[in-house]
C-alpha atoms as a PDB file:
ATOM      1  CA  MET A   1       9.216  -1.005   1.795  1.00  0.00           C
ATOM      2  CA  ILE A   2       5.814  -1.879   3.176  1.00  0.00           C
ATOM      3  CA  PHE A   3       3.333  -2.263   0.315  1.00  0.00           C
ATOM      4  CA  VAL A   4      -0.376  -2.072   1.098  1.00  0.00           C
ATOM      5  CA  THR A   5      -2.641  -3.041  -1.771  1.00  0.00           C
ATOM      6  CA  LEU A   6      -6.423  -2.907  -1.813  1.00  0.00           C
ATOM      7  CA  GLY A   7      -7.224  -4.364  -5.202  1.00  0.00           C
ATOM      8  CA  THR A   8      -9.423  -3.059  -7.984  1.00  0.00           C
ATOM      9  CA  GLN A   9     -12.934  -3.370  -6.585  1.00  0.00           C
ATOM     10  CA  LYS A  10     -15.220  -0.330  -6.357  1.00  0.00           C
ATOM     11  CA  PHE A  11     -15.309  -0.480  -2.560  1.00  0.00           C
ATOM     12  CA  GLN A  12     -13.523   2.149  -0.486  1.00  0.00           C
ATOM     13  CA  MET A  13     -11.103   1.185   2.271  1.00  0.00           C
ATOM     14  CA  ASN A  14     -10.628   4.652   3.759  1.00  0.00           C
ATOM     15  CA  ARG A  15     -10.320   3.462   7.373  1.00  0.00           C
ATOM     16  CA  LEU A  16      -7.526   1.027   6.491  1.00  0.00           C
ATOM     17  CA  ILE A  17      -5.619   3.651   4.492  1.00  0.00           C
ATOM     18  CA  LYS A  18      -6.017   6.193   7.290  1.00  0.00           C
ATOM     19  CA  ALA A  19      -4.769   3.682   9.891  1.00  0.00           C
ATOM     20  CA  VAL A  20      -1.698   2.839   7.771  1.00  0.00           C
ATOM     21  CA  ASP A  21      -1.084   6.536   7.094  1.00  0.00           C
ATOM     22  CA  GLU A  22      -1.217   7.363  10.809  1.00  0.00           C
ATOM     23  CA  MET A  23       1.180   4.570  11.799  1.00  0.00           C
ATOM     24  CA  ALA A  24       3.706   5.137   8.977  1.00  0.00           C
ATOM     25  CA  PRO A  25       5.682   7.922  10.737  1.00  0.00           C
ATOM     26  CA  GLY A  26       6.515   5.484  13.547  1.00  0.00           C
ATOM     27  CA  TYR A  27       8.502   3.210  11.233  1.00  0.00           C
ATOM     28  CA  SER A  28      11.768   3.671   9.386  1.00  0.00           C
ATOM     29  CA  GLU A  29      10.410   1.765   6.371  1.00  0.00           C
ATOM     30  CA  GLU A  30       8.877   3.518   3.389  1.00  0.00           C
ATOM     31  CA  PHE A  31       5.154   2.841   2.951  1.00  0.00           C
ATOM     32  CA  PHE A  32       3.423   2.610  -0.423  1.00  0.00           C
ATOM     33  CA  VAL A  33      -0.359   2.284  -0.625  1.00  0.00           C
ATOM     34  CA  GLN A  34      -2.324   1.262  -3.695  1.00  0.00           C
ATOM     35  CA  THR A  35      -5.532   3.090  -2.712  1.00  0.00           C
ATOM     36  CA  GLY A  36      -7.949   1.707  -5.294  1.00  0.00           C
ATOM     37  CA  SER A  37     -11.339   3.450  -5.233  1.00  0.00           C
ATOM     38  CA  SER A  38     -10.792   5.026  -1.807  1.00  0.00           C
ATOM     39  CA  ASN A  39     -10.936   8.797  -1.519  1.00  0.00           C
ATOM     40  CA  TYR A  40      -8.726   9.210   1.573  1.00  0.00           C
ATOM     41  CA  THR A  41      -5.446  10.869   0.556  1.00  0.00           C
ATOM     42  CA  PRO A  42      -2.428   9.611   2.534  1.00  0.00           C
ATOM     43  CA  ARG A  43      -0.117  12.303   3.924  1.00  0.00           C
ATOM     44  CA  ASN A  44       2.674  10.061   5.214  1.00  0.00           C
ATOM     45  CA  CYS A  45       2.802   7.408   2.491  1.00  0.00           C
ATOM     46  CA  SER A  46       3.501   7.313  -1.203  1.00  0.00           C
ATOM     47  CA  TYR A  47       0.399   6.159  -3.056  1.00  0.00           C
ATOM     48  CA  LYS A  48      -1.296   5.516  -6.370  1.00  0.00           C
ATOM     49  CA  ASP A  49      -4.909   4.626  -6.992  1.00  0.00           C
ATOM     50  CA  PHE A  50      -4.442   1.865  -9.594  1.00  0.00           C
ATOM     51  CA  MET A  51      -1.410   0.220 -11.217  1.00  0.00           C
ATOM     52  CA  ASP A  52      -0.893  -1.896 -14.266  1.00  0.00           C
ATOM     53  CA  ALA A  53       0.458  -5.421 -13.744  1.00  0.00           C
ATOM     54  CA  GLU A  54       4.046  -4.456 -14.551  1.00  0.00           C
ATOM     55  CA  THR A  55       4.138  -1.617 -12.000  1.00  0.00           C
ATOM     56  CA  TYR A  56       2.406  -3.793  -9.393  1.00  0.00           C
ATOM     57  CA  ASN A  57       4.957  -6.591  -9.853  1.00  0.00           C
ATOM     58  CA  LYS A  58       7.830  -4.101  -9.527  1.00  0.00           C
ATOM     59  CA  LYS A  59       6.404  -2.907  -6.203  1.00  0.00           C
ATOM     60  CA  ILE A  60       6.111  -6.519  -5.006  1.00  0.00           C
ATOM     61  CA  ALA A  61       9.745  -7.115  -5.984  1.00  0.00           C
ATOM     62  CA  GLU A  62      10.844  -3.987  -4.085  1.00  0.00           C
ATOM     63  CA  CYS A  63       9.253  -5.109  -0.847  1.00  0.00           C
ATOM     64  CA  SER A  64      10.036  -8.815  -1.070  1.00  0.00           C
ATOM     65  CA  CYS A  65      13.812  -8.520  -1.053  1.00  0.00           C
ATOM     66  CA  CYS A  66      14.034  -8.536   2.738  1.00  0.00           C
ATOM     67  CA  ASP A  67      14.535 -11.538   5.040  1.00  0.00           C
ATOM     68  CA  HIS A  68      10.842 -11.834   5.847  1.00  0.00           C
ATOM     69  CA  PHE A  69       8.095 -11.409   3.301  1.00  0.00           C
ATOM     70  CA  TYR A  70       4.476 -11.470   4.385  1.00  0.00           C
ATOM     71  CA  TYR A  71       1.597 -11.656   1.955  1.00  0.00           C
ATOM     72  CA  VAL A  72      -1.760 -11.087   3.593  1.00  0.00           C
ATOM     73  CA  CYS A  73      -4.956 -11.394   1.619  1.00  0.00           C
ATOM     74  CA  LEU A  74      -7.906  -9.704   3.290  1.00  0.00           C
END
């Protein structure tokens, strides 16, 4: 799974979510986007606006079980 997280700030990241949503069909991996305060609704990705710490950590565990794990802080 590819997990895209935007944090909990009030700022929208609609362009990033849209870009991820548009590229998702080209990959065999499942995409999950934590959309935060953004109002773009992904069509090709699972998503949730905000998550509690337990749910967030479960998502991290789901995507970090592969050979390569990348954590990018923007």
